C-alpha atoms as a PDB file:
ATOM      1  CA  UNK A   1     112.802 145.748 144.522  1.00  0.00           C
ATOM      2  CA  UNK A   2     110.058 147.970 145.937  1.00  0.00           C
ATOM      3  CA  UNK A   3     109.290 151.645 145.848  1.00  0.00           C
ATOM      4  CA  UNK A   4     106.498 153.729 147.309  1.00  0.00           C
ATOM      5  CA  UNK A   5     104.461 156.265 145.437  1.00  0.00           C
ATOM      6  CA  UNK A   6     102.282 158.751 147.306  1.00  0.00           C
ATOM      7  CA  UNK A   7      99.251 160.365 145.660  1.00  0.00           C
ATOM      8  CA  UNK A   8      98.236 163.891 146.680  1.00  0.00           C
ATOM      9  CA  UNK A   9      94.602 163.186 145.903  1.00  0.00           C
ATOM     10  CA  UNK A  10      94.368 159.885 147.778  1.00  0.00           C
ATOM     11  CA  UNK A  11      95.135 158.758 151.265  1.00  0.00           C
ATOM     12  CA  UNK A  12      96.073 155.333 149.952  1.00  0.00           C
ATOM     13  CA  UNK A  13      99.767 154.756 149.348  1.00  0.00           C
ATOM     14  CA  UNK A  14     100.883 152.621 146.407  1.00  0.00           C
ATOM     15  CA  UNK A  15     103.570 150.116 147.230  1.00  0.00           C
ATOM     16  CA  UNK A  16     105.158 149.030 143.930  1.00  0.00           C
ATOM     17  CA  UNK A  17     107.517 146.158 143.522  1.00  0.00           C
ATOM     18  CA  UNK A  18     109.182 144.744 140.422  1.00  0.00           C
ATOM     19  CA  UNK A  19     108.883 140.982 140.559  1.00  0.00           C
ATOM     20  CA  UNK A  20     109.176 138.221 138.000  1.00  0.00           C
ATOM     21  CA  UNK A  21     106.018 136.934 136.334  1.00  0.00           C
ATOM     22  CA  UNK A  22     104.504 134.295 138.678  1.00  0.00           C
ATOM     23  CA  UNK A  23     104.667 130.845 137.128  1.00  0.00           C
ATOM     24  CA  UNK A  24     100.956 130.307 137.722  1.00  0.00           C
ATOM     25  CA  UNK A  25      99.914 133.705 136.374  1.00  0.00           C
ATOM     26  CA  UNK A  26      98.019 133.628 133.104  1.00  0.00           C
ATOM     27  CA  UNK A  27      98.406 136.675 130.902  1.00  0.00           C
ATOM     28  CA  UNK A  28      95.131 137.830 129.350  1.00  0.00           C
ATOM     29  CA  UNK A  29      94.883 136.644 125.804  1.00  0.00           C
ATOM     30  CA  UNK A  30      92.746 139.494 124.488  1.00  0.00           C
ATOM     31  CA  UNK A  31      91.660 139.177 120.847  1.00  0.00           C
ATOM     32  CA  UNK A  32      92.884 141.852 118.463  1.00  0.00           C
ATOM     33  CA  UNK A  33      90.127 144.432 118.238  1.00  0.00           C
ATOM     34  CA  UNK A  34      90.555 144.951 114.489  1.00  0.00           C
ATOM     35  CA  UNK A  35      92.752 143.699 111.687  1.00  0.00           C
ATOM     36  CA  UNK A  36      94.346 147.109 111.242  1.00  0.00           C
ATOM     37  CA  UNK A  37      96.158 147.147 114.587  1.00  0.00           C
ATOM     38  CA  UNK A  38      98.746 144.398 113.753  1.00  0.00           C
ATOM     39  CA  UNK A  39      99.460 146.179 110.469  1.00  0.00           C
ATOM     40  CA  UNK A  40      99.954 149.511 112.242  1.00  0.00           C
ATOM     41  CA  UNK A  41     102.261 147.960 114.865  1.00  0.00           C
ATOM     42  CA  UNK A  42     104.202 145.927 112.339  1.00  0.00           C
ATOM     43  CA  UNK A  43     104.768 148.967 110.111  1.00  0.00           C
ATOM     44  CA  UNK A  44     106.278 150.917 113.001  1.00  0.00           C
ATOM     45  CA  UNK A  45     108.801 148.194 113.661  1.00  0.00           C
ATOM     46  CA  UNK A  46     109.509 147.443 110.008  1.00  0.00           C
ATOM     47  CA  UNK A  47     110.870 150.852 109.127  1.00  0.00           C
ATOM     48  CA  UNK A  48     113.021 150.903 112.258  1.00  0.00           C
ATOM     49  CA  UNK A  49     114.440 147.516 111.352  1.00  0.00           C
ATOM     50  CA  UNK A  50     115.175 148.468 107.751  1.00  0.00           C
ATOM     51  CA  UNK A  51     116.889 151.692 108.804  1.00  0.00           C
ATOM     52  CA  UNK A  52     119.256 149.774 111.137  1.00  0.00           C
ATOM     53  CA  UNK A  53     117.842 151.424 114.260  1.00  0.00           C
ATOM     54  CA  UNK A  54     117.062 148.238 116.156  1.00  0.00           C
ATOM     55  CA  UNK A  55     119.930 146.892 118.301  1.00  0.00           C
ATOM     56  CA  UNK A  56     120.110 143.533 120.127  1.00  0.00           C
ATOM     57  CA  UNK A  57     119.656 145.105 123.594  1.00  0.00           C
ATOM     58  CA  UNK A  58     116.371 146.793 122.565  1.00  0.00           C
ATOM     59  CA  UNK A  59     112.894 145.396 123.147  1.00  0.00           C
ATOM     60  CA  UNK A  60     110.188 146.321 120.688  1.00  0.00           C
ATOM     61  CA  UNK A  61     106.871 144.420 121.003  1.00  0.00           C
ATOM     62  CA  UNK A  62     103.147 144.540 120.350  1.00  0.00           C
ATOM     63  CA  UNK A  63     100.330 143.361 122.637  1.00  0.00           C
ATOM     64  CA  UNK A  64     103.002 142.410 125.135  1.00  0.00           C
ATOM     65  CA  UNK A  65     102.564 142.250 128.919  1.00  0.00           C
ATOM     66  CA  UNK A  66     104.242 144.956 130.976  1.00  0.00           C
ATOM     67  CA  UNK A  67     104.237 143.819 134.592  1.00  0.00           C
ATOM     68  CA  UNK A  68     104.369 145.329 138.097  1.00  0.00           C
ATOM     69  CA  UNK A  69     103.133 144.314 141.531  1.00  0.00           C
ATOM     70  CA  UNK A  70     101.115 146.978 143.291  1.00  0.00           C
ATOM     71  CA  UNK A  71     100.084 146.576 146.915  1.00  0.00           C
ATOM     72  CA  UNK A  72     100.783 142.872 146.620  1.00  0.00           C
ATOM     73  CA  UNK A  73      98.626 142.396 143.516  1.00  0.00           C
ATOM     74  CA  UNK A  74     100.225 141.456 140.184  1.00  0.00           C
ATOM     75  CA  UNK A  75      99.299 143.661 137.205  1.00  0.00           C
ATOM     76  CA  UNK A  76     100.036 143.192 133.529  1.00  0.00           C
ATOM     77  CA  UNK A  77      98.975 145.618 130.775  1.00  0.00           C
ATOM     78  CA  UNK A  78      99.664 145.085 127.065  1.00  0.00           C
ATOM     79  CA  UNK A  79     100.129 148.249 124.991  1.00  0.00           C
ATOM     80  CA  UNK A  80      99.636 147.983 121.241  1.00  0.00           C
ATOM     81  CA  UNK A  81     103.284 148.961 120.732  1.00  0.00           C
ATOM     82  CA  UNK A  82     106.119 149.492 123.180  1.00  0.00           C
ATOM     83  CA  UNK A  83     109.817 150.400 122.972  1.00  0.00           C
ATOM     84  CA  UNK A  84     112.377 149.630 125.684  1.00  0.00           C
ATOM     85  CA  UNK A  85     115.866 151.022 125.015  1.00  0.00           C
ATOM     86  CA  UNK A  86     117.759 148.323 126.891  1.00  0.00           C
ATOM     87  CA  UNK A  87     117.046 145.010 128.578  1.00  0.00           C
ATOM     88  CA  UNK A  88     119.407 142.961 130.737  1.00  0.00           C
ATOM     89  CA  UNK A  89     119.002 139.859 128.598  1.00  0.00           C
ATOM     90  CA  UNK A  90     117.762 139.366 125.065  1.00  0.00           C
ATOM     91  CA  UNK A  91     115.132 136.627 125.117  1.00  0.00           C
ATOM     92  CA  UNK A  92     113.717 135.414 121.859  1.00  0.00           C
ATOM     93  CA  UNK A  93     110.412 133.987 123.204  1.00  0.00           C
ATOM     94  CA  UNK A  94     109.718 136.559 125.912  1.00  0.00           C
ATOM     95  CA  UNK A  95     106.071 136.570 127.028  1.00  0.00           C
ATOM     96  CA  UNK A  96     106.252 139.544 129.429  1.00  0.00           C
ATOM     97  CA  UNK A  97     108.542 142.194 130.733  1.00  0.00           C
ATOM     98  CA  UNK A  98     109.058 143.585 134.207  1.00  0.00           C
ATOM     99  CA  UNK A  99     110.740 147.059 134.165  1.00  0.00           C
ATOM    100  CA  UNK A 100     113.594 147.695 136.553  1.00  0.00           C
ATOM    101  CA  UNK A 101     113.921 143.975 137.267  1.00  0.00           C
ATOM    102  CA  UNK A 102     114.695 143.022 133.654  1.00  0.00           C
ATOM    103  CA  UNK A 103     115.977 146.316 132.269  1.00  0.00           C
ATOM    104  CA  UNK A 104     114.918 149.883 131.461  1.00  0.00           C
ATOM    105  CA  UNK A 105     111.516 151.379 131.922  1.00  0.00           C
ATOM    106  CA  UNK A 106     109.783 151.541 128.482  1.00  0.00           C
ATOM    107  CA  UNK A 107     110.550 154.816 126.769  1.00  0.00           C
ATOM    108  CA  UNK A 108     107.306 154.999 124.803  1.00  0.00           C
ATOM    109  CA  UNK A 109     103.957 153.171 124.777  1.00  0.00           C
ATOM    110  CA  UNK A 110     101.473 153.486 121.922  1.00  0.00           C
ATOM    111  CA  UNK A 111      97.810 152.621 121.939  1.00  0.00           C
ATOM    112  CA  UNK A 112      95.602 152.459 118.774  1.00  0.00           C
ATOM    113  CA  UNK A 113      92.022 153.471 119.303  1.00  0.00           C
ATOM    114  CA  UNK A 114      89.265 151.212 118.047  1.00  0.00           C
ATOM    115  CA  UNK A 115      85.484 151.044 118.095  1.00  0.00           C
ATOM    116  CA  UNK A 116      85.753 149.074 121.322  1.00  0.00           C
ATOM    117  CA  UNK A 117      86.613 151.022 124.488  1.00  0.00           C
ATOM    118  CA  UNK A 118      89.973 149.783 125.552  1.00  0.00           C
ATOM    119  CA  UNK A 119      90.658 151.972 128.591  1.00  0.00           C
ATOM    120  CA  UNK A 120      93.408 154.044 126.960  1.00  0.00           C
ATOM    121  CA  UNK A 121      92.217 157.100 128.935  1.00  0.00           C
ATOM    122  CA  UNK A 122      91.319 155.252 132.103  1.00  0.00           C
ATOM    123  CA  UNK A 123      92.725 156.733 135.320  1.00  0.00           C
ATOM    124  CA  UNK A 124      91.038 154.055 137.409  1.00  0.00           C
ATOM    125  CA  UNK A 125      93.176 153.497 140.458  1.00  0.00           C
ATOM    126  CA  UNK A 126      91.611 150.463 142.074  1.00  0.00           C
ATOM    127  CA  UNK A 127      92.605 146.964 141.005  1.00  0.00           C
ATOM    128  CA  UNK A 128      92.947 146.372 138.120  1.00  0.00           C
ATOM    129  CA  UNK A 129      93.999 149.945 137.294  1.00  0.00           C
ATOM    130  CA  UNK A 130      93.317 151.697 134.001  1.00  0.00           C
ATOM    131  CA  UNK A 131      95.975 151.867 131.346  1.00  0.00           C
ATOM    132  CA  UNK A 132      96.557 155.616 131.688  1.00  0.00           C
ATOM    133  CA  UNK A 133      97.057 155.287 135.437  1.00  0.00           C
ATOM    134  CA  UNK A 134      99.308 152.239 135.002  1.00  0.00           C
ATOM    135  CA  UNK A 135     101.554 153.915 132.425  1.00  0.00           C
ATOM    136  CA  UNK A 136     101.642 157.282 134.150  1.00  0.00           C
ATOM    137  CA  UNK A 137     101.758 156.526 137.877  1.00  0.00           C
ATOM    138  CA  UNK A 138     103.123 152.997 138.193  1.00  0.00           C
ATOM    139  CA  UNK A 139     105.483 152.455 135.237  1.00  0.00           C
ATOM    140  CA  UNK A 140     106.030 156.200 134.667  1.00  0.00           C
ATOM    141  CA  UNK A 141     106.648 155.742 130.949  1.00  0.00           C
ATOM    142  CA  UNK A 142     108.071 159.054 129.610  1.00  0.00           C
ATOM    143  CA  UNK A 143     106.042 159.143 126.416  1.00  0.00           C
ATOM    144  CA  UNK A 144     102.493 157.945 125.838  1.00  0.00           C
ATOM    145  CA  UNK A 145     100.875 158.087 122.397  1.00  0.00           C
ATOM    146  CA  UNK A 146      97.192 157.513 121.630  1.00  0.00           C
ATOM    147  CA  UNK A 147      96.490 157.233 117.893  1.00  0.00           C
ATOM    148  CA  UNK A 148      93.148 157.099 116.112  1.00  0.00           C
ATOM    149  CA  UNK A 149      93.777 155.254 112.840  1.00  0.00           C
ATOM    150  CA  UNK A 150      90.371 156.172 111.457  1.00  0.00           C
ATOM    151  CA  UNK A 151      90.525 159.970 111.937  1.00  0.00           C
ATOM    152  CA  UNK A 152      94.318 160.313 111.987  1.00  0.00           C
ATOM    153  CA  UNK A 153      94.407 162.099 115.346  1.00  0.00           C
ATOM    154  CA  UNK A 154      97.685 161.646 117.229  1.00  0.00           C
ATOM    155  CA  UNK A 155      97.744 162.560 120.917  1.00  0.00           C
ATOM    156  CA  UNK A 156     101.278 162.801 122.244  1.00  0.00           C
ATOM    157  CA  UNK A 157     101.734 162.972 125.989  1.00  0.00           C
ATOM    158  CA  UNK A 158     104.972 163.548 127.908  1.00  0.00           C
ATOM    159  CA  UNK A 159     105.483 162.815 131.595  1.00  0.00           C
ATOM    160  CA  UNK A 160     106.149 166.012 133.497  1.00  0.00           C
ATOM    161  CA  UNK A 161     105.958 166.182 137.318  1.00  0.00           C
ATOM    162  CA  UNK A 162     104.387 162.678 137.408  1.00  0.00           C
ATOM    163  CA  UNK A 163     101.576 163.762 135.079  1.00  0.00           C
ATOM    164  CA  UNK A 164     101.050 163.311 131.344  1.00  0.00           C
ATOM    165  CA  UNK A 165     100.953 166.623 129.539  1.00  0.00           C
ATOM    166  CA  UNK A 166      99.606 166.873 125.987  1.00  0.00           C
ATOM    167  CA  UNK A 167     102.246 168.232 123.611  1.00  0.00           C
ATOM    168  CA  UNK A 168     101.666 170.092 120.324  1.00  0.00           C
ATOM    169  CA  UNK A 169     103.483 168.921 117.165  1.00  0.00           C
ATOM    170  CA  UNK A 170     106.070 170.963 115.291  1.00  0.00           C
ATOM    171  CA  UNK A 171     105.403 172.864 112.086  1.00  0.00           C
ATOM    172  CA  UNK A 172     105.502 169.573 110.155  1.00  0.00           C
ATOM    173  CA  UNK A 173     102.951 167.925 112.423  1.00  0.00           C
ATOM    174  CA  UNK A 174     105.586 165.674 114.068  1.00  0.00           C
ATOM    175  CA  UNK A 175     106.895 165.086 117.554  1.00  0.00           C
ATOM    176  CA  UNK A 176     110.616 164.731 118.367  1.00  0.00           C
ATOM    177  CA  UNK A 177     111.463 161.778 120.591  1.00  0.00           C
ATOM    178  CA  UNK A 178     114.926 162.542 121.895  1.00  0.00           C
ATOM    179  CA  UNK A 179     115.536 159.108 123.427  1.00  0.00           C
ATOM    180  CA  UNK A 180     115.118 157.550 119.963  1.00  0.00           C
ATOM    181  CA  UNK A 181     116.580 160.398 117.901  1.00  0.00           C
ATOM    182  CA  UNK A 182     113.513 160.265 115.637  1.00  0.00           C
ATOM    183  CA  UNK A 183     110.360 162.168 114.785  1.00  0.00           C
ATOM    184  CA  UNK A 184     106.964 160.498 115.112  1.00  0.00           C
ATOM    185  CA  UNK A 185     104.041 161.691 112.980  1.00  0.00           C
ATOM    186  CA  UNK A 186     101.105 160.650 110.843  1.00  0.00           C
ATOM    187  CA  UNK A 187     101.099 159.672 107.177  1.00  0.00           C
ATOM    188  CA  UNK A 188      98.255 158.936 104.842  1.00  0.00           C
ATOM    189  CA  UNK A 189      98.456 156.256 102.192  1.00  0.00           C
ATOM    190  CA  UNK A 190      98.251 152.547 101.388  1.00  0.00           C
ATOM    191  CA  UNK A 191     100.171 149.539 102.709  1.00  0.00           C
ATOM    192  CA  UNK A 192      99.196 145.867 102.549  1.00  0.00           C
ATOM    193  CA  UNK A 193      95.741 146.708 101.150  1.00  0.00           C
ATOM    194  CA  UNK A 194      94.999 149.082 104.028  1.00  0.00           C
ATOM    195  CA  UNK A 195      94.409 152.677 103.004  1.00  0.00           C
ATOM    196  CA  UNK A 196      94.264 155.309 105.671  1.00  0.00           C
ATOM    197  CA  UNK A 197      96.350 156.936 108.388  1.00  0.00           C
ATOM    198  CA  UNK A 198      99.577 155.444 109.688  1.00  0.00           C
ATOM    199  CA  UNK A 199     102.170 156.363 112.320  1.00  0.00           C
ATOM    200  CA  UNK A 200     105.560 156.884 110.677  1.00  0.00           C
ATOM    201  CA  UNK A 201     109.124 157.692 111.721  1.00  0.00           C
ATOM    202  CA  UNK A 202     111.356 160.499 110.353  1.00  0.00           C
ATOM    203  CA  UNK A 203     115.064 161.017 111.021  1.00  0.00           C
ATOM    204  CA  UNK A 204     116.479 164.274 112.434  1.00  0.00           C
ATOM    205  CA  UNK A 205     116.938 165.604 108.873  1.00  0.00           C
ATOM    206  CA  UNK A 206     113.264 165.080 108.061  1.00  0.00           C
ATOM    207  CA  UNK A 207     113.754 161.938 105.911  1.00  0.00           C
ATOM    208  CA  UNK A 208     110.940 159.419 106.085  1.00  0.00           C
ATOM    209  CA  UNK A 209     112.113 155.975 107.252  1.00  0.00           C
ATOM    210  CA  UNK A 210     110.908 153.675 104.439  1.00  0.00           C
ATOM    211  CA  UNK A 211     108.985 150.422 104.537  1.00  0.00           C
ATOM    212  CA  UNK A 212     110.374 147.455 102.652  1.00  0.00           C
ATOM    213  CA  UNK A 213     108.173 148.014  99.588  1.00  0.00           C
ATOM    214  CA  UNK A 214     109.176 151.693  99.541  1.00  0.00           C
ATOM    215  CA  UNK A 215     112.864 150.880  99.782  1.00  0.00           C
ATOM    216  CA  UNK A 216     112.505 148.362  96.953  1.00  0.00           C
ATOM    217  CA  UNK A 217     110.861 151.066  94.837  1.00  0.00           C
ATOM    218  CA  UNK A 218     113.614 153.557  95.728  1.00  0.00           C
ATOM    219  CA  UNK A 219     116.237 151.034  94.696  1.00  0.00           C
ATOM    220  CA  UNK A 220     114.367 150.369  91.426  1.00  0.00           C
ATOM    221  CA  UNK A 221     114.228 154.106  90.734  1.00  0.00           C
ATOM    222  CA  UNK A 222     117.948 154.485  91.500  1.00  0.00           C
ATOM    223  CA  UNK A 223     118.760 151.584  89.171  1.00  0.00           C
ATOM    224  CA  UNK A 224     116.588 153.110  86.447  1.00  0.00           C
ATOM    225  CA  UNK A 225     118.317 156.493  86.884  1.00  0.00           C
ATOM    226  CA  UNK A 226     121.696 154.756  86.583  1.00  0.00           C
ATOM    227  CA  UNK A 227     120.565 152.965  83.458  1.00  0.00           C
ATOM    228  CA  UNK A 228     119.357 156.232  81.947  1.00  0.00           C
ATOM    229  CA  UNK A 229     122.638 157.948  82.786  1.00  0.00           C
ATOM    230  CA  UNK A 230     124.583 155.088  81.217  1.00  0.00           C
ATOM    231  CA  UNK A 231     122.451 155.283  78.084  1.00  0.00           C
ATOM    232  CA  UNK A 232     122.936 159.032  77.875  1.00  0.00           C
ATOM    233  CA  UNK A 233     126.704 158.543  78.184  1.00  0.00           C
ATOM    234  CA  UNK A 234     126.621 155.872  75.458  1.00  0.00           C
ATOM    235  CA  UNK A 235     124.630 158.185  73.149  1.00  0.00           C
ATOM    236  CA  UNK A 236     127.065 161.052  73.825  1.00  0.00           C
ATOM    237  CA  UNK A 237     130.060 158.817  73.017  1.00  0.00           C
ATOM    238  CA  UNK A 238     128.350 157.582  69.860  1.00  0.00           C
ATOM    239  CA  UNK A 239     127.606 161.168  68.800  1.00  0.00           C
ATOM    240  CA  UNK A 240     131.260 162.151  69.308  1.00  0.00           C
ATOM    241  CA  UNK A 241     132.396 159.114  67.253  1.00  0.00           C
ATOM    242  CA  UNK A 242     130.080 160.033  64.423  1.00  0.00           C
ATOM    243  CA  UNK A 243     131.196 163.680  64.480  1.00  0.00           C
ATOM    244  CA  UNK A 244     134.849 162.584  64.352  1.00  0.00           C
ATOM    245  CA  UNK A 245     134.190 160.247  61.431  1.00  0.00           C
ATOM    246  CA  UNK A 246     132.371 163.010  59.573  1.00  0.00           C
ATOM    247  CA  UNK A 247     135.282 165.374  60.166  1.00  0.00           C
ATOM    248  CA  UNK A 248     137.798 162.856  58.911  1.00  0.00           C
ATOM    249  CA  UNK A 249     135.725 162.124  55.820  1.00  0.00           C
ATOM    250  CA  UNK A 250     135.486 165.846  55.046  1.00  0.00           C
ATOM    251  CA  UNK A 251     139.237 166.344  55.393  1.00  0.00           C
ATOM    252  CA  UNK A 252     139.944 163.372  53.154  1.00  0.00           C
ATOM    253  CA  UNK A 253     137.511 164.771  50.573  1.00  0.00           C
ATOM    254  CA  UNK A 254     139.625 167.942  50.580  1.00  0.00           C
ATOM    255  CA  UNK A 255     142.809 165.980  49.984  1.00  0.00           C
ATOM    256  CA  UNK A 256     143.986 166.375  53.539  1.00  0.00           C
ATOM    257  CA  UNK A 257     145.454 163.424  55.416  1.00  0.00           C
ATOM    258  CA  UNK A 258     144.020 163.678  58.972  1.00  0.00           C
ATOM    259  CA  UNK A 259     147.064 161.813  60.256  1.00  0.00           C
ATOM    260  CA  UNK A 260     149.400 164.567  59.026  1.00  0.00           C
ATOM    261  CA  UNK A 261     147.623 167.424  60.749  1.00  0.00           C
ATOM    262  CA  UNK A 262     149.850 169.477  63.141  1.00  0.00           C
ATOM    263  CA  UNK A 263     149.398 168.706  66.783  1.00  0.00           C
ATOM    264  CA  UNK A 264     149.073 171.555  69.256  1.00  0.00           C
ATOM    265  CA  UNK A 265     150.346 171.204  72.748  1.00  0.00           C
END
C-alpha cells in the first residue's frame, strides 16, 4: 500500500509504502541510554495494566521498531514508548510493527530525553530521517511526547495540519488524551529505588492510576480501616452489654424483677 506526501518546502516528493519487515533487515539494537528509561516505560504500562485498560487488540511497547518504506528505502525507528489502539493480529513475540499494513497508526509516541542526543527533535529529511520528521510527516502519529526525567519537563505535541503543535497543560498540569480517555502528566516520587520525575496516568475523574505497590498499599489501608471499624463495632456492642448488665443489677438491687417490667409497643 503506497501513498504520496508532498512537502511545501521541498521539491522532493515522498513516496511512502507500508511493507512487511524484510527478512534480511536487521533492526538496530541500540543500547539503553540509561537505566531509568526501562523503569519509566515499564511504569507507564504497569498502571494501565492494573487498571484494566489494556485489551488484547492493543499494542504497547518500548524500544520497538515502527516501520515504513520511503522512496524505496526501509526505515525503522524505535520510540521509548508507543501505544497502538488496534492491531490486526496479536503477536506475542513481535519484533516490529508496520502501521496500516498490520493495524492502526500509533496514537501516541513518547521519547525520554537523556544525556546523549537521540534525535528526538530532528527534522532531518534525508535518509535516515530524524525521529521528529518520521513521526510527524511519515507515520503522522497524532500525539508526540518528549519528557525530560531529570528536570520533569513534559512537552506535549499534537498533530495539526500535518505539523506538531506544542500544547499547554490544564490547570492540574496534565494533558487529556481523548483516544485513550486518560490524562497524562508528571509526578514526583520514588519507585524501584529511583527517585525523581515520572510520567503518570489519571482517569477522567482525576484519579491517579496506581502502580502495583501503590495498589497493595491501598488494599492494606482499606483492610486496616475495615479492621478498625469492626473493632469499634465490637467495642460499642460490649459497651451496650455492660450498660444493660448494670441496669439489670440496679433494678434487682431495688427489688424489681427486670423480666416483669411492662413492655411498650
